Amino acid sequence: RAIGDAGWKTTGRHTGLPLVDGRADLEVIGLSAEHTHYALAPGAGVRPGDKLRLIPHYSDSTVFLHRQLHAIRDGVVEAVWPVAAAGMLQ
């Protein structure tokens, strides 16, 4: 088991749990407000400080939880877009 520093305030949880991008050895099994709870496959190579990319289950409601979005391609931030409706989720 592992705990990550991103919970439902980051990824949303309105319709399901996020996926861990590119990591078949990790599964999100729960979210608290500030933390992600992971199940690890035997031999999973995760260490404190590792960065993981989470894919929200439903992105529409997740967008409104943030003030800006980072557009990333091939590991490079190409743009930062403001979210005018940040905090407007009902």
PDB file of N, CA and C in Angstrom:
ATOM      1  N   ARG A   1       0.846  -1.183   0.000  1.00  0.00           N
ATOM      2  CA  ARG A   1       0.000   0.000   0.000  1.00  0.00           C
ATOM      3  C   ARG A   1       0.884   1.237   0.000  1.00  0.00           C
ATOM      4  N   ALA A   2       0.393   2.297  -0.658  1.00  0.00           N
ATOM      5  CA  ALA A   2       1.115   3.569  -0.692  1.00  0.00           C
ATOM      6  C   ALA A   2       0.105   4.708  -0.611  1.00  0.00           C
ATOM      7  N   ILE A   3       0.580   5.863  -0.188  1.00  0.00           N
ATOM      8  CA  ILE A   3      -0.252   7.056  -0.077  1.00  0.00           C
ATOM      9  C   ILE A   3       0.394   8.151  -0.923  1.00  0.00           C
ATOM     10  N   GLY A   4      -0.425   8.854  -1.715  1.00  0.00           N
ATOM     11  CA  GLY A   4       0.068   9.952  -2.543  1.00  0.00           C
ATOM     12  C   GLY A   4      -0.500  11.279  -2.080  1.00  0.00           C
ATOM     13  N   ASP A   5       0.189  12.349  -2.422  1.00  0.00           N
ATOM     14  CA  ASP A   5      -0.181  13.693  -1.985  1.00  0.00           C
ATOM     15  C   ASP A   5      -1.093  14.376  -3.007  1.00  0.00           C
ATOM     16  N   ALA A   6      -2.232  13.757  -3.279  1.00  0.00           N
ATOM     17  CA  ALA A   6      -3.256  14.339  -4.158  1.00  0.00           C
ATOM     18  C   ALA A   6      -4.537  13.564  -3.904  1.00  0.00           C
ATOM     19  N   GLY A   7      -5.559  14.229  -3.423  1.00  0.00           N
ATOM     20  CA  GLY A   7      -6.812  13.545  -3.133  1.00  0.00           C
ATOM     21  C   GLY A   7      -7.938  14.021  -4.023  1.00  0.00           C
ATOM     22  N   TRP A   8      -9.174  13.866  -3.531  1.00  0.00           N
ATOM     23  CA  TRP A   8     -10.317  14.233  -4.370  1.00  0.00           C
ATOM     24  C   TRP A   8     -10.401  15.726  -4.626  1.00  0.00           C
ATOM     25  N   LYS A   9      -9.728  16.548  -3.822  1.00  0.00           N
ATOM     26  CA  LYS A   9      -9.692  17.980  -4.113  1.00  0.00           C
ATOM     27  C   LYS A   9      -8.860  18.260  -5.359  1.00  0.00           C
ATOM     28  N   THR A  10      -8.012  17.334  -5.726  1.00  0.00           N
ATOM     29  CA  THR A  10      -7.178  17.468  -6.920  1.00  0.00           C
ATOM     30  C   THR A  10      -7.784  16.763  -8.118  1.00  0.00           C
ATOM     31  N   THR A  11      -8.279  15.550  -7.917  1.00  0.00           N
ATOM     32  CA  THR A  11      -8.718  14.729  -9.046  1.00  0.00           C
ATOM     33  C   THR A  11     -10.225  14.632  -9.197  1.00  0.00           C
ATOM     34  N   GLY A  12     -10.965  15.057  -8.189  1.00  0.00           N
ATOM     35  CA  GLY A  12     -12.403  14.831  -8.206  1.00  0.00           C
ATOM     36  C   GLY A  12     -12.687  13.360  -7.936  1.00  0.00           C
ATOM     37  N   ARG A  13     -13.904  13.062  -7.569  1.00  0.00           N
ATOM     38  CA  ARG A  13     -14.285  11.661  -7.369  1.00  0.00           C
ATOM     39  C   ARG A  13     -15.773  11.482  -7.644  1.00  0.00           C
ATOM     40  N   HIS A  14     -16.303  12.365  -8.425  1.00  0.00           N
ATOM     41  CA  HIS A  14     -17.742  12.412  -8.642  1.00  0.00           C
ATOM     42  C   HIS A  14     -18.292  11.162  -9.322  1.00  0.00           C
ATOM     43  N   THR A  15     -17.521  10.564 -10.211  1.00  0.00           N
ATOM     44  CA  THR A  15     -18.034   9.400 -10.943  1.00  0.00           C
ATOM     45  C   THR A  15     -17.129   8.183 -10.861  1.00  0.00           C
ATOM     46  N   GLY A  16     -15.977   8.302 -10.247  1.00  0.00           N
ATOM     47  CA  GLY A  16     -15.078   7.158 -10.149  1.00  0.00           C
ATOM     48  C   GLY A  16     -13.685   7.582  -9.730  1.00  0.00           C
ATOM     49  N   LEU A  17     -12.823   6.610  -9.572  1.00  0.00           N
ATOM     50  CA  LEU A  17     -11.452   6.862  -9.135  1.00  0.00           C
ATOM     51  C   LEU A  17     -10.543   7.113 -10.338  1.00  0.00           C
ATOM     52  N   PRO A  18      -9.496   7.916 -10.144  1.00  0.00           N
ATOM     53  CA  PRO A  18      -8.560   8.157 -11.241  1.00  0.00           C
ATOM     54  C   PRO A  18      -7.708   6.923 -11.528  1.00  0.00           C
ATOM     55  N   LEU A  19      -7.094   6.921 -12.703  1.00  0.00           N
ATOM     56  CA  LEU A  19      -6.126   5.895 -13.085  1.00  0.00           C
ATOM     57  C   LEU A  19      -4.724   6.467 -12.941  1.00  0.00           C
ATOM     58  N   VAL A  20      -3.743   5.588 -12.754  1.00  0.00           N
ATOM     59  CA  VAL A  20      -2.344   6.009 -12.713  1.00  0.00           C
ATOM     60  C   VAL A  20      -1.772   5.784 -14.108  1.00  0.00           C
ATOM     61  N   ASP A  21      -1.398   6.864 -14.773  1.00  0.00           N
ATOM     62  CA  ASP A  21      -0.918   6.805 -16.149  1.00  0.00           C
ATOM     63  C   ASP A  21       0.395   6.031 -16.243  1.00  0.00           C
ATOM     64  N   GLY A  22       0.412   5.011 -17.087  1.00  0.00           N
ATOM     65  CA  GLY A  22       1.635   4.272 -17.362  1.00  0.00           C
ATOM     66  C   GLY A  22       2.120   3.374 -16.242  1.00  0.00           C
ATOM     67  N   ARG A  23       1.282   3.103 -15.253  1.00  0.00           N
ATOM     68  CA  ARG A  23       1.711   2.290 -14.111  1.00  0.00           C
ATOM     69  C   ARG A  23       0.703   1.177 -13.851  1.00  0.00           C
ATOM     70  N   ALA A  24       0.849   0.072 -14.545  1.00  0.00           N
ATOM     71  CA  ALA A  24      -0.032  -1.076 -14.336  1.00  0.00           C
ATOM     72  C   ALA A  24       0.188  -1.707 -12.963  1.00  0.00           C
ATOM     73  N   ASP A  25       1.305  -1.367 -12.300  1.00  0.00           N
ATOM     74  CA  ASP A  25       1.608  -1.944 -10.988  1.00  0.00           C
ATOM     75  C   ASP A  25       0.975  -1.172  -9.834  1.00  0.00           C
ATOM     76  N   LEU A  26       0.269  -0.067 -10.135  1.00  0.00           N
ATOM     77  CA  LEU A  26      -0.390   0.737  -9.104  1.00  0.00           C
ATOM     78  C   LEU A  26      -1.868   0.887  -9.434  1.00  0.00           C
ATOM     79  N   GLU A  27      -2.702   0.787  -8.410  1.00  0.00           N
ATOM     80  CA  GLU A  27      -4.138   0.981  -8.589  1.00  0.00           C
ATOM     81  C   GLU A  27      -4.644   1.913  -7.498  1.00  0.00           C
ATOM     82  N   VAL A  28      -5.402   2.926  -7.894  1.00  0.00           N
ATOM     83  CA  VAL A  28      -6.023   3.810  -6.912  1.00  0.00           C
ATOM     84  C   VAL A  28      -7.186   3.050  -6.286  1.00  0.00           C
ATOM     85  N   ILE A  29      -7.156   2.928  -4.956  1.00  0.00           N
ATOM     86  CA  ILE A  29      -8.220   2.194  -4.266  1.00  0.00           C
ATOM     87  C   ILE A  29      -9.067   3.101  -3.379  1.00  0.00           C
ATOM     88  N   GLY A  30      -8.667   4.368  -3.260  1.00  0.00           N
ATOM     89  CA  GLY A  30      -9.456   5.296  -2.462  1.00  0.00           C
ATOM     90  C   GLY A  30      -8.868   6.691  -2.488  1.00  0.00           C
ATOM     91  N   LEU A  31      -9.713   7.652  -2.142  1.00  0.00           N
ATOM     92  CA  LEU A  31      -9.298   9.050  -2.070  1.00  0.00           C
ATOM     93  C   LEU A  31      -9.831   9.662  -0.784  1.00  0.00           C
ATOM     94  N   SER A  32      -8.993  10.416  -0.106  1.00  0.00           N
ATOM     95  CA  SER A  32      -9.469  11.307   0.946  1.00  0.00           C
ATOM     96  C   SER A  32      -9.361  12.715   0.366  1.00  0.00           C
ATOM     97  N   ALA A  33      -9.666  13.725   1.128  1.00  0.00           N
ATOM     98  CA  ALA A  33      -9.618  15.086   0.601  1.00  0.00           C
ATOM     99  C   ALA A  33      -8.233  15.445   0.060  1.00  0.00           C
ATOM    100  N   GLU A  34      -7.194  15.006   0.736  1.00  0.00           N
ATOM    101  CA  GLU A  34      -5.832  15.426   0.390  1.00  0.00           C
ATOM    102  C   GLU A  34      -4.919  14.304  -0.098  1.00  0.00           C
ATOM    103  N   HIS A  35      -5.359  13.041  -0.046  1.00  0.00           N
ATOM    104  CA  HIS A  35      -4.454  11.934  -0.350  1.00  0.00           C
ATOM    105  C   HIS A  35      -5.093  10.873  -1.237  1.00  0.00           C
ATOM    106  N   THR A  36      -4.235  10.231  -2.033  1.00  0.00           N
ATOM    107  CA  THR A  36      -4.635   9.097  -2.860  1.00  0.00           C
ATOM    108  C   THR A  36      -4.112   7.832  -2.192  1.00  0.00           C
ATOM    109  N   HIS A  37      -4.938   6.806  -2.143  1.00  0.00           N
ATOM    110  CA  HIS A  37      -4.560   5.524  -1.551  1.00  0.00           C
ATOM    111  C   HIS A  37      -4.364   4.524  -2.690  1.00  0.00           C
ATOM    112  N   TYR A  38      -3.185   3.910  -2.731  1.00  0.00           N
ATOM    113  CA  TYR A  38      -2.822   2.999  -3.811  1.00  0.00           C
ATOM    114  C   TYR A  38      -2.658   1.575  -3.297  1.00  0.00           C
ATOM    115  N   ALA A  39      -3.046   0.619  -4.130  1.00  0.00           N
ATOM    116  CA  ALA A  39      -2.674  -0.780  -3.940  1.00  0.00           C
ATOM    117  C   ALA A  39      -1.505  -1.031  -4.885  1.00  0.00           C
ATOM    118  N   LEU A  40      -0.500  -1.734  -4.396  1.00  0.00           N
ATOM    119  CA  LEU A  40       0.691  -2.010  -5.188  1.00  0.00           C
ATOM    120  C   LEU A  40       0.729  -3.479  -5.581  1.00  0.00           C
ATOM    121  N   ALA A  41       1.035  -3.732  -6.837  1.00  0.00           N
ATOM    122  CA  ALA A  41       1.244  -5.104  -7.285  1.00  0.00           C
ATOM    123  C   ALA A  41       2.563  -5.602  -6.690  1.00  0.00           C
ATOM    124  N   PRO A  42       2.711  -6.917  -6.531  1.00  0.00           N
ATOM    125  CA  PRO A  42       3.987  -7.439  -6.027  1.00  0.00           C
ATOM    126  C   PRO A  42       5.153  -6.927  -6.878  1.00  0.00           C
ATOM    127  N   GLY A  43       6.170  -6.425  -6.219  1.00  0.00           N
ATOM    128  CA  GLY A  43       7.349  -5.919  -6.917  1.00  0.00           C
ATOM    129  C   GLY A  43       7.190  -4.520  -7.492  1.00  0.00           C
ATOM    130  N   ALA A  44       6.106  -3.839  -7.154  1.00  0.00           N
ATOM    131  CA  ALA A  44       5.893  -2.485  -7.680  1.00  0.00           C
ATOM    132  C   ALA A  44       7.054  -1.585  -7.277  1.00  0.00           C
ATOM    133  N   GLY A  45       7.567  -0.855  -8.225  1.00  0.00           N
ATOM    134  CA  GLY A  45       8.707   0.018  -7.969  1.00  0.00           C
ATOM    135  C   GLY A  45       8.273   1.445  -7.717  1.00  0.00           C
ATOM    136  N   VAL A  46       7.755   1.710  -6.544  1.00  0.00           N
ATOM    137  CA  VAL A  46       7.377   3.076  -6.191  1.00  0.00           C
ATOM    138  C   VAL A  46       8.118   3.448  -4.909  1.00  0.00           C
ATOM    139  N   ARG A  47       8.667   4.678  -4.916  1.00  0.00           N
ATOM    140  CA  ARG A  47       9.465   5.136  -3.777  1.00  0.00           C
ATOM    141  C   ARG A  47       8.987   6.511  -3.339  1.00  0.00           C
ATOM    142  N   PRO A  48       9.232   6.877  -2.090  1.00  0.00           N
ATOM    143  CA  PRO A  48       8.873   8.225  -1.645  1.00  0.00           C
ATOM    144  C   PRO A  48       9.495   9.270  -2.570  1.00  0.00           C
ATOM    145  N   GLY A  49       8.690  10.240  -2.961  1.00  0.00           N
ATOM    146  CA  GLY A  49       9.163  11.305  -3.847  1.00  0.00           C
ATOM    147  C   GLY A  49       8.894  11.056  -5.319  1.00  0.00           C
ATOM    148  N   ASP A  50       8.513   9.826  -5.694  1.00  0.00           N
ATOM    149  CA  ASP A  50       8.183   9.556  -7.097  1.00  0.00           C
ATOM    150  C   ASP A  50       6.995  10.412  -7.523  1.00  0.00           C
ATOM    151  N   LYS A  51       7.026  10.901  -8.751  1.00  0.00           N
ATOM    152  CA  LYS A  51       5.905  11.662  -9.298  1.00  0.00           C
ATOM    153  C   LYS A  51       5.059  10.734 -10.149  1.00  0.00           C
ATOM    154  N   LEU A  52       3.755  10.780  -9.924  1.00  0.00           N
ATOM    155  CA  LEU A  52       2.812   9.956 -10.673  1.00  0.00           C
ATOM    156  C   LEU A  52       1.824  10.869 -11.381  1.00  0.00           C
ATOM    157  N   ARG A  53       1.401  10.460 -12.558  1.00  0.00           N
ATOM    158  CA  ARG A  53       0.408  11.225 -13.303  1.00  0.00           C
ATOM    159  C   ARG A  53      -0.934  10.511 -13.158  1.00  0.00           C
ATOM    160  N   LEU A  54      -1.918  11.232 -12.602  1.00  0.00           N
ATOM    161  CA  LEU A  54      -3.252  10.670 -12.415  1.00  0.00           C
ATOM    162  C   LEU A  54      -4.173  11.147 -13.532  1.00  0.00           C
ATOM    163  N   ILE A  55      -4.983  10.236 -14.031  1.00  0.00           N
ATOM    164  CA  ILE A  55      -5.969  10.564 -15.052  1.00  0.00           C
ATOM    165  C   ILE A  55      -7.337  10.545 -14.384  1.00  0.00           C
ATOM    166  N   PRO A  56      -7.975  11.712 -14.245  1.00  0.00           N
ATOM    167  CA  PRO A  56      -9.286  11.755 -13.596  1.00  0.00           C
ATOM    168  C   PRO A  56     -10.302  10.890 -14.333  1.00  0.00           C
ATOM    169  N   HIS A  57     -11.220  10.302 -13.584  1.00  0.00           N
ATOM    170  CA  HIS A  57     -12.267   9.479 -14.173  1.00  0.00           C
ATOM    171  C   HIS A  57     -13.205  10.323 -15.023  1.00  0.00           C
ATOM    172  N   TYR A  58     -13.490  11.532 -14.570  1.00  0.00           N
ATOM    173  CA  TYR A  58     -14.391  12.443 -15.284  1.00  0.00           C
ATOM    174  C   TYR A  58     -13.792  13.833 -15.190  1.00  0.00           C
ATOM    175  N   SER A  59     -13.255  14.327 -16.286  1.00  0.00           N
ATOM    176  CA  SER A  59     -12.464  15.557 -16.225  1.00  0.00           C
ATOM    177  C   SER A  59     -13.284  16.832 -16.134  1.00  0.00           C
ATOM    178  N   ASP A  60     -14.526  16.830 -16.598  1.00  0.00           N
ATOM    179  CA  ASP A  60     -15.301  18.075 -16.577  1.00  0.00           C
ATOM    180  C   ASP A  60     -15.393  18.668 -15.178  1.00  0.00           C
ATOM    181  N   SER A  61     -15.757  17.859 -14.208  1.00  0.00           N
ATOM    182  CA  SER A  61     -15.892  18.384 -12.848  1.00  0.00           C
ATOM    183  C   SER A  61     -14.536  18.638 -12.206  1.00  0.00           C
ATOM    184  N   THR A  62     -13.502  17.953 -12.648  1.00  0.00           N
ATOM    185  CA  THR A  62     -12.166  18.142 -12.088  1.00  0.00           C
ATOM    186  C   THR A  62     -11.586  19.497 -12.483  1.00  0.00           C
ATOM    187  N   VAL A  63     -11.845  19.951 -13.693  1.00  0.00           N
ATOM    188  CA  VAL A  63     -11.297  21.217 -14.186  1.00  0.00           C
ATOM    189  C   VAL A  63     -11.656  22.363 -13.252  1.00  0.00           C
ATOM    190  N   PHE A  64     -12.879  22.402 -12.772  1.00  0.00           N
ATOM    191  CA  PHE A  64     -13.335  23.519 -11.951  1.00  0.00           C
ATOM    192  C   PHE A  64     -12.741  23.533 -10.548  1.00  0.00           C
ATOM    193  N   LEU A  65     -11.990  22.497 -10.199  1.00  0.00           N
ATOM    194  CA  LEU A  65     -11.315  22.454  -8.906  1.00  0.00           C
ATOM    195  C   LEU A  65      -9.983  23.205  -8.930  1.00  0.00           C
ATOM    196  N   HIS A  66      -9.567  23.675 -10.109  1.00  0.00           N
ATOM    197  CA  HIS A  66      -8.243  24.283 -10.273  1.00  0.00           C
ATOM    198  C   HIS A  66      -8.337  25.669 -10.890  1.00  0.00           C
ATOM    199  N   ARG A  67      -7.357  26.497 -10.611  1.00  0.00           N
ATOM    200  CA  ARG A  67      -7.321  27.859 -11.151  1.00  0.00           C
ATOM    201  C   ARG A  67      -6.631  27.934 -12.508  1.00  0.00           C
ATOM    202  N   GLN A  68      -5.843  26.905 -12.837  1.00  0.00           N
ATOM    203  CA  GLN A  68      -5.176  26.881 -14.136  1.00  0.00           C
ATOM    204  C   GLN A  68      -4.902  25.446 -14.553  1.00  0.00           C
ATOM    205  N   LEU A  69      -4.798  25.256 -15.863  1.00  0.00           N
ATOM    206  CA  LEU A  69      -4.443  23.961 -16.438  1.00  0.00           C
ATOM    207  C   LEU A  69      -3.103  24.100 -17.132  1.00  0.00           C
ATOM    208  N   HIS A  70      -2.278  23.077 -17.008  1.00  0.00           N
ATOM    209  CA  HIS A  70      -0.991  23.059 -17.692  1.00  0.00           C
ATOM    210  C   HIS A  70      -1.098  22.123 -18.887  1.00  0.00           C
ATOM    211  N   ALA A  71      -0.841  22.649 -20.073  1.00  0.00           N
ATOM    212  CA  ALA A  71      -0.852  21.847 -21.296  1.00  0.00           C
ATOM    213  C   ALA A  71       0.550  21.277 -21.489  1.00  0.00           C
ATOM    214  N   ILE A  72       0.663  19.951 -21.370  1.00  0.00           N
ATOM    215  CA  ILE A  72       1.972  19.295 -21.417  1.00  0.00           C
ATOM    216  C   ILE A  72       2.019  18.343 -22.603  1.00  0.00           C
ATOM    217  N   ARG A  73       3.086  18.448 -23.378  1.00  0.00           N
ATOM    218  CA  ARG A  73       3.308  17.521 -24.485  1.00  0.00           C
ATOM    219  C   ARG A  73       4.757  17.058 -24.423  1.00  0.00           C
ATOM    220  N   ASP A  74       4.944  15.746 -24.447  1.00  0.00           N
ATOM    221  CA  ASP A  74       6.285  15.162 -24.396  1.00  0.00           C
ATOM    222  C   ASP A  74       7.087  15.681 -23.203  1.00  0.00           C
ATOM    223  N   GLY A  75       6.400  15.859 -22.066  1.00  0.00           N
ATOM    224  CA  GLY A  75       7.077  16.283 -20.850  1.00  0.00           C
ATOM    225  C   GLY A  75       7.405  17.761 -20.771  1.00  0.00           C
ATOM    226  N   VAL A  76       6.966  18.547 -21.750  1.00  0.00           N
ATOM    227  CA  VAL A  76       7.253  19.981 -21.779  1.00  0.00           C
ATOM    228  C   VAL A  76       5.945  20.754 -21.615  1.00  0.00           C
ATOM    229  N   VAL A  77       5.936  21.733 -20.704  1.00  0.00           N
ATOM    230  CA  VAL A  77       4.760  22.588 -20.537  1.00  0.00           C
ATOM    231  C   VAL A  77       4.712  23.553 -21.713  1.00  0.00           C
ATOM    232  N   GLU A  78       3.685  23.402 -22.556  1.00  0.00           N
ATOM    233  CA  GLU A  78       3.554  24.258 -23.736  1.00  0.00           C
ATOM    234  C   GLU A  78       2.688  25.482 -23.479  1.00  0.00           C
ATOM    235  N   ALA A  79       1.782  25.381 -22.508  1.00  0.00           N
ATOM    236  CA  ALA A  79       0.900  26.511 -22.215  1.00  0.00           C
ATOM    237  C   ALA A  79       0.330  26.348 -20.814  1.00  0.00           C
ATOM    238  N   VAL A  80      -0.068  27.462 -20.234  1.00  0.00           N
ATOM    239  CA  VAL A  80      -0.791  27.465 -18.963  1.00  0.00           C
ATOM    240  C   VAL A  80      -2.076  28.238 -19.217  1.00  0.00           C
ATOM    241  N   TRP A  81      -3.209  27.557 -19.040  1.00  0.00           N
ATOM    242  CA  TRP A  81      -4.508  28.155 -19.326  1.00  0.00           C
ATOM    243  C   TRP A  81      -5.235  28.483 -18.024  1.00  0.00           C
ATOM    244  N   PRO A  82      -5.701  29.713 -17.862  1.00  0.00           N
ATOM    245  CA  PRO A  82      -6.493  30.040 -16.674  1.00  0.00           C
ATOM    246  C   PRO A  82      -7.875  29.392 -16.768  1.00  0.00           C
ATOM    247  N   VAL A  83      -8.435  29.042 -15.627  1.00  0.00           N
ATOM    248  CA  VAL A  83      -9.791  28.492 -15.565  1.00  0.00           C
ATOM    249  C   VAL A  83     -10.671  29.566 -14.936  1.00  0.00           C
ATOM    250  N   ALA A  84     -11.433  30.248 -15.769  1.00  0.00           N
ATOM    251  CA  ALA A  84     -12.251  31.367 -15.295  1.00  0.00           C
ATOM    252  C   ALA A  84     -13.317  30.916 -14.302  1.00  0.00           C
ATOM    253  N   ALA A  85     -13.769  29.684 -14.409  1.00  0.00           N
ATOM    254  CA  ALA A  85     -14.843  29.187 -13.545  1.00  0.00           C
ATOM    255  C   ALA A  85     -14.315  28.426 -12.332  1.00  0.00           C
ATOM    256  N   ALA A  86     -13.052  28.614 -11.982  1.00  0.00           N
ATOM    257  CA  ALA A  86     -12.482  27.905 -10.834  1.00  0.00           C
ATOM    258  C   ALA A  86     -13.319  28.157  -9.586  1.00  0.00           C
ATOM    259  N   GLY A  87     -13.625  27.090  -8.874  1.00  0.00           N
ATOM    260  CA  GLY A  87     -14.400  27.201  -7.649  1.00  0.00           C
ATOM    261  C   GLY A  87     -15.897  27.295  -7.858  1.00  0.00           C
ATOM    262  N   MET A  88     -16.358  27.161  -9.090  1.00  0.00           N
ATOM    263  CA  MET A  88     -17.780  27.318  -9.393  1.00  0.00           C
ATOM    264  C   MET A  88     -18.547  26.002  -9.411  1.00  0.00           C
ATOM    265  N   LEU A  89     -17.881  24.892  -9.101  1.00  0.00           N
ATOM    266  CA  LEU A  89     -18.547  23.591  -9.105  1.00  0.00           C
ATOM    267  C   LEU A  89     -19.634  23.562  -8.042  1.00  0.00           C
ATOM    268  N   GLN A  90     -20.818  23.116  -8.421  1.00  0.00           N
ATOM    269  CA  GLN A  90     -21.930  23.074  -7.464  1.00  0.00           C
ATOM    270  C   GLN A  90     -22.261  21.666  -7.095  1.00  0.00           C
TER     271      GLN A  90
END
